[in-house]
N, C-alpha and C. Protein backbone atom coordinates (compact mmCIF):
# COMPACT_ATOMS: atom_id res chain seq x y z
N MET A 1 -4.84 -47.33 38.40
CA MET A 1 -3.83 -47.07 37.41
C MET A 1 -4.40 -46.38 36.19
N LYS A 2 -5.63 -46.74 35.83
CA LYS A 2 -6.27 -46.11 34.69
C LYS A 2 -6.51 -44.63 34.94
N VAL A 3 -6.81 -44.24 36.17
CA VAL A 3 -7.03 -42.84 36.52
C VAL A 3 -5.74 -42.05 36.29
N PHE A 4 -4.60 -42.61 36.63
CA PHE A 4 -3.32 -41.94 36.45
C PHE A 4 -3.02 -41.71 34.97
N ILE A 5 -3.35 -42.66 34.10
CA ILE A 5 -3.11 -42.54 32.66
C ILE A 5 -4.00 -41.43 32.08
N VAL A 6 -5.23 -41.37 32.48
CA VAL A 6 -6.14 -40.33 32.01
C VAL A 6 -5.62 -38.97 32.47
N SER A 7 -5.18 -38.85 33.69
CA SER A 7 -4.66 -37.60 34.21
C SER A 7 -3.38 -37.21 33.47
N LEU A 8 -2.51 -38.14 33.16
CA LEU A 8 -1.29 -37.85 32.42
C LEU A 8 -1.63 -37.37 31.01
N ARG A 9 -2.62 -37.98 30.38
CA ARG A 9 -3.05 -37.57 29.04
C ARG A 9 -3.59 -36.14 29.10
N ASN A 10 -4.40 -35.84 30.11
CA ASN A 10 -4.92 -34.48 30.27
C ASN A 10 -3.79 -33.49 30.52
N LEU A 11 -2.80 -33.89 31.29
CA LEU A 11 -1.66 -33.03 31.56
C LEU A 11 -0.88 -32.73 30.28
N ILE A 12 -0.69 -33.74 29.47
CA ILE A 12 0.03 -33.56 28.20
C ILE A 12 -0.77 -32.66 27.26
N LEU A 13 -2.08 -32.89 27.14
CA LEU A 13 -2.93 -32.05 26.29
C LEU A 13 -2.95 -30.61 26.80
N GLY A 14 -3.02 -30.43 28.10
CA GLY A 14 -3.00 -29.10 28.68
C GLY A 14 -1.68 -28.38 28.38
N GLY A 15 -0.57 -29.11 28.44
CA GLY A 15 0.73 -28.54 28.12
C GLY A 15 0.82 -28.12 26.66
N ILE A 16 0.26 -28.93 25.79
CA ILE A 16 0.27 -28.61 24.35
C ILE A 16 -0.57 -27.36 24.09
N VAL A 17 -1.75 -27.30 24.68
CA VAL A 17 -2.61 -26.12 24.52
C VAL A 17 -1.91 -24.88 25.07
N PHE A 18 -1.26 -25.00 26.22
CA PHE A 18 -0.53 -23.88 26.81
C PHE A 18 0.56 -23.38 25.86
N LEU A 19 1.32 -24.30 25.27
CA LEU A 19 2.39 -23.91 24.34
C LEU A 19 1.82 -23.22 23.10
N ILE A 20 0.70 -23.71 22.58
CA ILE A 20 0.09 -23.09 21.40
C ILE A 20 -0.36 -21.66 21.72
N VAL A 21 -1.00 -21.50 22.88
CA VAL A 21 -1.46 -20.17 23.28
C VAL A 21 -0.26 -19.25 23.52
N LEU A 22 0.80 -19.76 24.10
CA LEU A 22 1.99 -18.97 24.35
C LEU A 22 2.62 -18.50 23.04
N VAL A 23 2.77 -19.39 22.07
CA VAL A 23 3.36 -19.04 20.77
C VAL A 23 2.46 -18.04 20.05
N ALA A 24 1.14 -18.25 20.08
CA ALA A 24 0.22 -17.31 19.43
C ALA A 24 0.31 -15.93 20.07
N GLY A 25 0.42 -15.87 21.37
CA GLY A 25 0.55 -14.59 22.06
C GLY A 25 1.82 -13.86 21.68
N ILE A 26 2.92 -14.59 21.59
CA ILE A 26 4.19 -13.97 21.19
C ILE A 26 4.11 -13.46 19.76
N VAL A 27 3.50 -14.23 18.86
CA VAL A 27 3.35 -13.80 17.47
C VAL A 27 2.52 -12.53 17.40
N LEU A 28 1.43 -12.47 18.15
CA LEU A 28 0.59 -11.27 18.13
C LEU A 28 1.31 -10.06 18.70
N LEU A 29 2.17 -10.26 19.69
CA LEU A 29 2.92 -9.15 20.25
C LEU A 29 3.96 -8.62 19.27
N VAL A 30 4.58 -9.53 18.52
CA VAL A 30 5.64 -9.14 17.60
C VAL A 30 5.07 -8.57 16.31
N LYS A 31 3.95 -9.10 15.86
CA LYS A 31 3.35 -8.68 14.59
C LYS A 31 2.83 -7.25 14.72
N ASP A 32 2.95 -6.49 13.64
CA ASP A 32 2.48 -5.11 13.59
C ASP A 32 1.08 -5.12 12.98
N PRO A 33 0.01 -5.09 13.78
CA PRO A 33 -1.33 -5.25 13.23
C PRO A 33 -1.78 -4.10 12.35
N LEU A 34 -1.21 -2.93 12.51
CA LEU A 34 -1.62 -1.79 11.71
C LEU A 34 -0.75 -1.60 10.47
N HIS A 35 0.22 -2.46 10.29
CA HIS A 35 1.15 -2.38 9.16
C HIS A 35 1.84 -1.02 9.10
N VAL A 36 2.11 -0.46 10.26
CA VAL A 36 2.76 0.84 10.31
C VAL A 36 4.16 0.76 9.71
N SER A 37 4.80 -0.37 9.88
CA SER A 37 6.17 -0.51 9.38
C SER A 37 6.23 -0.55 7.87
N ASP A 38 5.07 -0.80 7.18
CA ASP A 38 5.08 -0.82 5.72
C ASP A 38 5.46 0.53 5.14
N SER A 39 5.09 1.60 5.81
CA SER A 39 5.37 2.92 5.27
C SER A 39 6.75 3.44 5.71
N TYR A 40 7.39 2.77 6.64
CA TYR A 40 8.70 3.18 7.11
C TYR A 40 9.76 2.27 6.51
N ARG A 41 10.64 2.84 5.75
CA ARG A 41 11.69 2.06 5.11
C ARG A 41 13.03 2.65 5.52
N PRO A 42 13.67 2.08 6.54
CA PRO A 42 14.90 2.69 7.05
C PRO A 42 16.04 2.72 6.04
N GLU A 43 15.99 1.88 5.00
CA GLU A 43 17.07 1.88 4.03
C GLU A 43 16.98 3.07 3.07
N GLU A 44 15.81 3.73 3.01
CA GLU A 44 15.66 4.89 2.14
C GLU A 44 16.06 6.15 2.90
N PRO A 45 16.73 7.06 2.23
CA PRO A 45 17.11 8.29 2.92
C PRO A 45 15.89 9.14 3.25
N SER A 46 15.96 9.86 4.34
CA SER A 46 14.86 10.76 4.68
C SER A 46 14.90 11.95 3.73
N VAL A 47 13.74 12.56 3.55
CA VAL A 47 13.62 13.65 2.60
C VAL A 47 13.53 14.97 3.36
N PRO A 48 14.45 15.90 3.09
CA PRO A 48 14.36 17.20 3.78
C PRO A 48 13.14 17.97 3.30
N ALA A 49 12.55 18.72 4.19
CA ALA A 49 11.36 19.50 3.85
C ALA A 49 11.66 20.50 2.74
N SER A 50 12.90 20.94 2.64
CA SER A 50 13.24 21.92 1.61
C SER A 50 13.22 21.32 0.21
N ALA A 51 13.14 19.98 0.09
CA ALA A 51 13.13 19.34 -1.22
C ALA A 51 11.78 19.50 -1.90
N LEU A 52 10.76 19.85 -1.16
CA LEU A 52 9.42 19.98 -1.72
C LEU A 52 9.10 21.43 -1.98
N PRO A 53 8.71 21.77 -3.21
CA PRO A 53 8.30 23.15 -3.45
C PRO A 53 7.13 23.51 -2.55
N ALA A 54 7.23 24.58 -1.78
CA ALA A 54 6.18 24.97 -0.84
C ALA A 54 4.91 25.35 -1.58
N THR A 55 5.03 26.04 -2.67
CA THR A 55 3.87 26.44 -3.46
C THR A 55 4.17 26.16 -4.92
N PRO A 56 3.14 25.95 -5.70
CA PRO A 56 3.38 25.73 -7.13
C PRO A 56 4.02 26.96 -7.76
N PRO A 57 4.81 26.75 -8.81
CA PRO A 57 5.38 27.91 -9.52
C PRO A 57 4.24 28.80 -10.03
N ASP A 58 4.55 30.06 -10.25
CA ASP A 58 3.53 31.00 -10.74
C ASP A 58 2.85 30.46 -11.99
N GLY A 59 1.53 30.47 -11.98
CA GLY A 59 0.76 30.03 -13.14
C GLY A 59 0.58 28.53 -13.24
N ALA A 60 1.22 27.75 -12.37
CA ALA A 60 1.09 26.29 -12.44
C ALA A 60 -0.13 25.84 -11.64
N ALA A 61 -0.95 25.01 -12.26
CA ALA A 61 -2.15 24.50 -11.60
C ALA A 61 -1.82 23.20 -10.87
N LYS A 62 -2.53 22.95 -9.79
CA LYS A 62 -2.35 21.71 -9.03
C LYS A 62 -2.79 20.52 -9.89
N PRO A 63 -2.06 19.40 -9.83
CA PRO A 63 -2.46 18.23 -10.60
C PRO A 63 -3.84 17.70 -10.18
N THR A 64 -4.51 17.07 -11.12
CA THR A 64 -5.78 16.40 -10.85
C THR A 64 -5.66 14.95 -11.27
N LEU A 65 -6.52 14.10 -10.69
CA LEU A 65 -6.46 12.66 -10.96
C LEU A 65 -7.86 12.07 -10.97
N ASN A 66 -8.14 11.27 -12.00
CA ASN A 66 -9.36 10.46 -12.07
C ASN A 66 -8.97 9.06 -12.49
N LEU A 67 -9.80 8.08 -12.12
CA LEU A 67 -9.52 6.69 -12.46
C LEU A 67 -10.54 6.17 -13.47
N ASP A 68 -10.06 5.39 -14.42
CA ASP A 68 -10.91 4.67 -15.36
C ASP A 68 -10.56 3.20 -15.22
N VAL A 69 -11.46 2.41 -14.63
CA VAL A 69 -11.20 1.00 -14.36
C VAL A 69 -12.18 0.16 -15.17
N LYS A 70 -11.63 -0.75 -15.99
CA LYS A 70 -12.46 -1.69 -16.75
C LYS A 70 -12.05 -3.10 -16.35
N VAL A 71 -13.04 -3.90 -15.93
CA VAL A 71 -12.77 -5.25 -15.44
C VAL A 71 -13.18 -6.26 -16.49
N GLU A 72 -12.28 -7.20 -16.76
CA GLU A 72 -12.57 -8.30 -17.68
C GLU A 72 -12.03 -9.57 -17.04
N GLY A 73 -12.93 -10.44 -16.62
CA GLY A 73 -12.51 -11.65 -15.90
C GLY A 73 -11.92 -11.27 -14.57
N SER A 74 -10.70 -11.74 -14.30
CA SER A 74 -10.04 -11.42 -13.03
C SER A 74 -8.96 -10.34 -13.20
N THR A 75 -9.04 -9.60 -14.32
CA THR A 75 -8.06 -8.55 -14.61
C THR A 75 -8.75 -7.20 -14.70
N ALA A 76 -8.15 -6.21 -14.07
CA ALA A 76 -8.65 -4.84 -14.15
C ALA A 76 -7.65 -4.01 -14.95
N ASP A 77 -8.15 -3.35 -15.99
CA ASP A 77 -7.36 -2.44 -16.81
C ASP A 77 -7.57 -1.04 -16.24
N VAL A 78 -6.51 -0.44 -15.70
CA VAL A 78 -6.62 0.84 -15.00
C VAL A 78 -5.91 1.93 -15.79
N LYS A 79 -6.61 3.04 -15.97
CA LYS A 79 -6.02 4.22 -16.61
C LYS A 79 -6.10 5.37 -15.62
N LEU A 80 -4.97 6.01 -15.39
CA LEU A 80 -4.90 7.17 -14.52
C LEU A 80 -5.01 8.41 -15.40
N LEU A 81 -6.12 9.10 -15.27
CA LEU A 81 -6.38 10.28 -16.08
C LEU A 81 -5.95 11.51 -15.29
N THR A 82 -4.83 12.10 -15.70
CA THR A 82 -4.27 13.23 -14.95
C THR A 82 -4.28 14.49 -15.80
N GLN A 83 -4.25 15.60 -15.11
CA GLN A 83 -4.02 16.90 -15.74
C GLN A 83 -2.95 17.59 -14.91
N ASN A 84 -2.09 18.32 -15.58
CA ASN A 84 -1.00 19.07 -14.94
C ASN A 84 -0.03 18.14 -14.20
N PHE A 85 0.14 16.93 -14.71
CA PHE A 85 1.01 15.95 -14.06
C PHE A 85 1.66 15.07 -15.12
N GLN A 86 2.95 14.80 -14.94
CA GLN A 86 3.70 13.94 -15.85
C GLN A 86 4.36 12.83 -15.04
N PHE A 87 4.17 11.58 -15.46
CA PHE A 87 4.80 10.45 -14.78
C PHE A 87 6.27 10.38 -15.17
N VAL A 88 7.14 10.28 -14.15
CA VAL A 88 8.58 10.15 -14.38
C VAL A 88 9.14 9.09 -13.44
N GLU A 89 10.23 8.48 -13.85
CA GLU A 89 10.93 7.51 -13.00
C GLU A 89 11.62 8.27 -11.87
N ASP A 90 11.83 7.59 -10.75
CA ASP A 90 12.56 8.21 -9.64
C ASP A 90 13.99 8.48 -10.05
N SER A 91 14.47 9.67 -9.70
CA SER A 91 15.85 10.03 -10.04
C SER A 91 16.84 9.51 -9.01
N GLY A 92 16.34 9.15 -7.82
CA GLY A 92 17.22 8.70 -6.75
C GLY A 92 17.70 9.83 -5.88
N ASP A 93 17.59 11.06 -6.35
CA ASP A 93 18.01 12.23 -5.58
C ASP A 93 16.78 12.87 -4.95
N PRO A 94 16.67 12.87 -3.61
CA PRO A 94 15.48 13.42 -2.97
C PRO A 94 15.32 14.93 -3.17
N ASN A 95 16.35 15.61 -3.63
CA ASN A 95 16.25 17.05 -3.85
C ASN A 95 15.78 17.39 -5.26
N GLN A 96 15.48 16.39 -6.08
CA GLN A 96 15.09 16.62 -7.47
C GLN A 96 13.57 16.62 -7.68
N ALA A 97 12.80 17.01 -6.69
CA ALA A 97 11.35 17.08 -6.83
C ALA A 97 10.99 18.25 -7.72
N VAL A 98 10.25 17.97 -8.79
CA VAL A 98 9.82 19.00 -9.71
C VAL A 98 8.30 19.04 -9.68
N PHE A 99 7.74 20.24 -9.48
CA PHE A 99 6.29 20.36 -9.42
C PHE A 99 5.67 19.90 -10.74
N GLY A 100 4.63 19.07 -10.65
CA GLY A 100 3.94 18.57 -11.84
C GLY A 100 4.52 17.27 -12.36
N GLN A 101 5.53 16.72 -11.68
CA GLN A 101 6.13 15.46 -12.09
C GLN A 101 6.19 14.51 -10.90
N GLY A 102 6.22 13.22 -11.18
CA GLY A 102 6.35 12.24 -10.12
C GLY A 102 5.79 10.89 -10.50
N HIS A 103 5.23 10.21 -9.53
CA HIS A 103 4.68 8.87 -9.72
C HIS A 103 3.45 8.74 -8.82
N ALA A 104 2.84 7.56 -8.85
CA ALA A 104 1.64 7.33 -8.04
C ALA A 104 1.89 6.17 -7.09
N HIS A 105 1.26 6.22 -5.93
CA HIS A 105 1.26 5.10 -4.99
C HIS A 105 -0.09 4.42 -5.10
N LEU A 106 -0.06 3.09 -5.19
CA LEU A 106 -1.26 2.29 -5.43
C LEU A 106 -1.63 1.50 -4.19
N TYR A 107 -2.91 1.56 -3.82
CA TYR A 107 -3.45 0.80 -2.69
C TYR A 107 -4.67 0.02 -3.17
N LEU A 108 -4.70 -1.28 -2.89
CA LEU A 108 -5.84 -2.12 -3.24
C LEU A 108 -6.43 -2.65 -1.95
N ASN A 109 -7.68 -2.34 -1.70
CA ASN A 109 -8.38 -2.74 -0.47
C ASN A 109 -7.61 -2.30 0.77
N GLY A 110 -7.04 -1.11 0.71
CA GLY A 110 -6.33 -0.54 1.85
C GLY A 110 -4.89 -1.00 2.01
N GLU A 111 -4.45 -1.95 1.23
CA GLU A 111 -3.08 -2.47 1.33
C GLU A 111 -2.20 -1.84 0.26
N PRO A 112 -1.00 -1.36 0.62
CA PRO A 112 -0.10 -0.79 -0.39
C PRO A 112 0.36 -1.88 -1.36
N LYS A 113 0.28 -1.58 -2.65
CA LYS A 113 0.66 -2.55 -3.67
C LYS A 113 1.86 -2.12 -4.50
N GLY A 114 2.27 -0.86 -4.40
CA GLY A 114 3.46 -0.46 -5.13
C GLY A 114 3.35 0.94 -5.69
N MET A 115 4.36 1.27 -6.47
CA MET A 115 4.45 2.59 -7.10
C MET A 115 4.21 2.43 -8.59
N ILE A 116 3.55 3.42 -9.17
CA ILE A 116 3.19 3.39 -10.58
C ILE A 116 3.92 4.52 -11.28
N TYR A 117 4.62 4.19 -12.37
CA TYR A 117 5.38 5.18 -13.12
C TYR A 117 4.80 5.43 -14.52
N HIS A 118 3.65 4.82 -14.80
CA HIS A 118 2.99 4.97 -16.10
C HIS A 118 1.49 5.15 -15.87
N PRO A 119 0.82 5.87 -16.74
CA PRO A 119 -0.60 6.14 -16.49
C PRO A 119 -1.53 4.96 -16.78
N GLU A 120 -1.03 3.86 -17.35
CA GLU A 120 -1.88 2.70 -17.62
C GLU A 120 -1.19 1.45 -17.10
N PHE A 121 -1.98 0.57 -16.47
CA PHE A 121 -1.44 -0.69 -15.95
C PHE A 121 -2.57 -1.68 -15.76
N LEU A 122 -2.21 -2.94 -15.52
CA LEU A 122 -3.17 -4.02 -15.29
C LEU A 122 -3.02 -4.56 -13.88
N LEU A 123 -4.14 -4.88 -13.27
CA LEU A 123 -4.16 -5.62 -12.00
C LEU A 123 -4.68 -7.01 -12.35
N LYS A 124 -3.84 -8.03 -12.21
CA LYS A 124 -4.20 -9.38 -12.65
C LYS A 124 -4.50 -10.29 -11.47
N LYS A 125 -5.22 -11.37 -11.75
CA LYS A 125 -5.54 -12.43 -10.79
C LYS A 125 -6.23 -11.87 -9.54
N LEU A 126 -7.18 -10.99 -9.76
CA LEU A 126 -7.95 -10.44 -8.64
C LEU A 126 -8.99 -11.46 -8.18
N PRO A 127 -9.18 -11.63 -6.89
CA PRO A 127 -10.22 -12.55 -6.43
C PRO A 127 -11.61 -11.96 -6.69
N LYS A 128 -12.60 -12.83 -6.75
CA LYS A 128 -13.97 -12.37 -6.97
C LYS A 128 -14.43 -11.53 -5.79
N GLY A 129 -15.30 -10.56 -6.10
CA GLY A 129 -15.84 -9.71 -5.06
C GLY A 129 -15.58 -8.25 -5.34
N GLU A 130 -15.96 -7.42 -4.36
CA GLU A 130 -15.80 -5.98 -4.49
C GLU A 130 -14.39 -5.57 -4.02
N HIS A 131 -13.80 -4.64 -4.76
CA HIS A 131 -12.47 -4.14 -4.44
C HIS A 131 -12.50 -2.62 -4.44
N GLU A 132 -11.58 -2.04 -3.65
CA GLU A 132 -11.43 -0.59 -3.63
C GLU A 132 -10.00 -0.25 -4.06
N LEU A 133 -9.91 0.55 -5.09
CA LEU A 133 -8.62 0.99 -5.62
C LEU A 133 -8.43 2.46 -5.24
N ARG A 134 -7.31 2.74 -4.58
CA ARG A 134 -6.96 4.13 -4.23
C ARG A 134 -5.59 4.43 -4.81
N VAL A 135 -5.49 5.56 -5.47
CA VAL A 135 -4.22 5.99 -6.08
C VAL A 135 -3.97 7.41 -5.63
N GLU A 136 -2.74 7.67 -5.19
CA GLU A 136 -2.37 9.04 -4.80
C GLU A 136 -1.13 9.46 -5.58
N LEU A 137 -1.10 10.72 -5.97
CA LEU A 137 0.03 11.26 -6.72
C LEU A 137 1.11 11.73 -5.75
N ASN A 138 2.37 11.49 -6.13
CA ASN A 138 3.51 11.85 -5.28
C ASN A 138 4.61 12.47 -6.13
N TYR A 139 5.38 13.35 -5.48
CA TYR A 139 6.60 13.86 -6.10
C TYR A 139 7.57 12.69 -6.29
N SER A 140 8.62 12.91 -7.05
CA SER A 140 9.61 11.84 -7.27
C SER A 140 10.35 11.50 -5.99
N ASN A 141 10.29 12.36 -4.96
CA ASN A 141 10.93 12.05 -3.68
C ASN A 141 9.93 11.44 -2.69
N HIS A 142 8.76 11.01 -3.19
CA HIS A 142 7.72 10.28 -2.45
C HIS A 142 6.84 11.16 -1.56
N LEU A 143 7.07 12.44 -1.50
CA LEU A 143 6.18 13.30 -0.74
C LEU A 143 4.88 13.48 -1.52
N PRO A 144 3.74 13.50 -0.84
CA PRO A 144 2.46 13.53 -1.56
C PRO A 144 2.08 14.90 -2.08
N TYR A 145 1.37 14.90 -3.21
CA TYR A 145 0.74 16.12 -3.70
C TYR A 145 -0.57 16.37 -2.95
N LYS A 146 -1.03 15.38 -2.22
CA LYS A 146 -2.34 15.39 -1.55
C LYS A 146 -3.45 15.43 -2.59
N VAL A 147 -3.22 14.65 -3.66
CA VAL A 147 -4.20 14.45 -4.72
C VAL A 147 -4.40 12.94 -4.84
N GLU A 148 -5.63 12.49 -4.64
CA GLU A 148 -5.89 11.05 -4.75
C GLU A 148 -7.25 10.81 -5.36
N ALA A 149 -7.43 9.59 -5.85
CA ALA A 149 -8.72 9.16 -6.41
C ALA A 149 -9.00 7.76 -5.90
N VAL A 150 -10.28 7.49 -5.63
CA VAL A 150 -10.72 6.19 -5.13
C VAL A 150 -11.84 5.69 -6.01
N GLN A 151 -11.77 4.42 -6.36
CA GLN A 151 -12.87 3.83 -7.15
C GLN A 151 -13.09 2.39 -6.70
N LYS A 152 -14.35 2.04 -6.53
CA LYS A 152 -14.71 0.66 -6.20
C LYS A 152 -15.13 -0.04 -7.48
N PHE A 153 -14.80 -1.33 -7.56
CA PHE A 153 -15.20 -2.13 -8.71
C PHE A 153 -15.41 -3.56 -8.26
N VAL A 154 -16.12 -4.34 -9.08
CA VAL A 154 -16.48 -5.71 -8.72
C VAL A 154 -15.89 -6.66 -9.75
N VAL A 155 -15.28 -7.73 -9.25
CA VAL A 155 -14.79 -8.81 -10.11
C VAL A 155 -15.81 -9.93 -10.00
N GLN A 156 -16.38 -10.33 -11.14
CA GLN A 156 -17.42 -11.38 -11.16
C GLN A 156 -16.82 -12.77 -11.11
């Protein structure tokens, strides 16, 4: 009789392990490991290619971007040093892209963190260690200027 109880216990434990592995497998199948869906937002209207100026207006220089990051404690004070670029709020109209105007997309350690509409901002409550900050300039309709800056910094 004792052999039967041990076998039943093993059967129950095996069933529990099987269920855990099954649930983990389903979660891994459903989860998007590359976060591809982060960049796709079906609720936002698509942007026609004609909304982007193909070339800068005559005499207009391409924007430039540099980062100035100062760390104090767990906060990073970030300044976006731009030339030929003006930060503006989104107008909501994808056809209102104006060369030399727009916003920035912010990535911390490869993860998208949001859009920046001002050249100075704070990153608070950063964990200790090395971090990589990447900022890219975009038109107000979210299409990229293909201008970006990357800077690594350490939080002590």
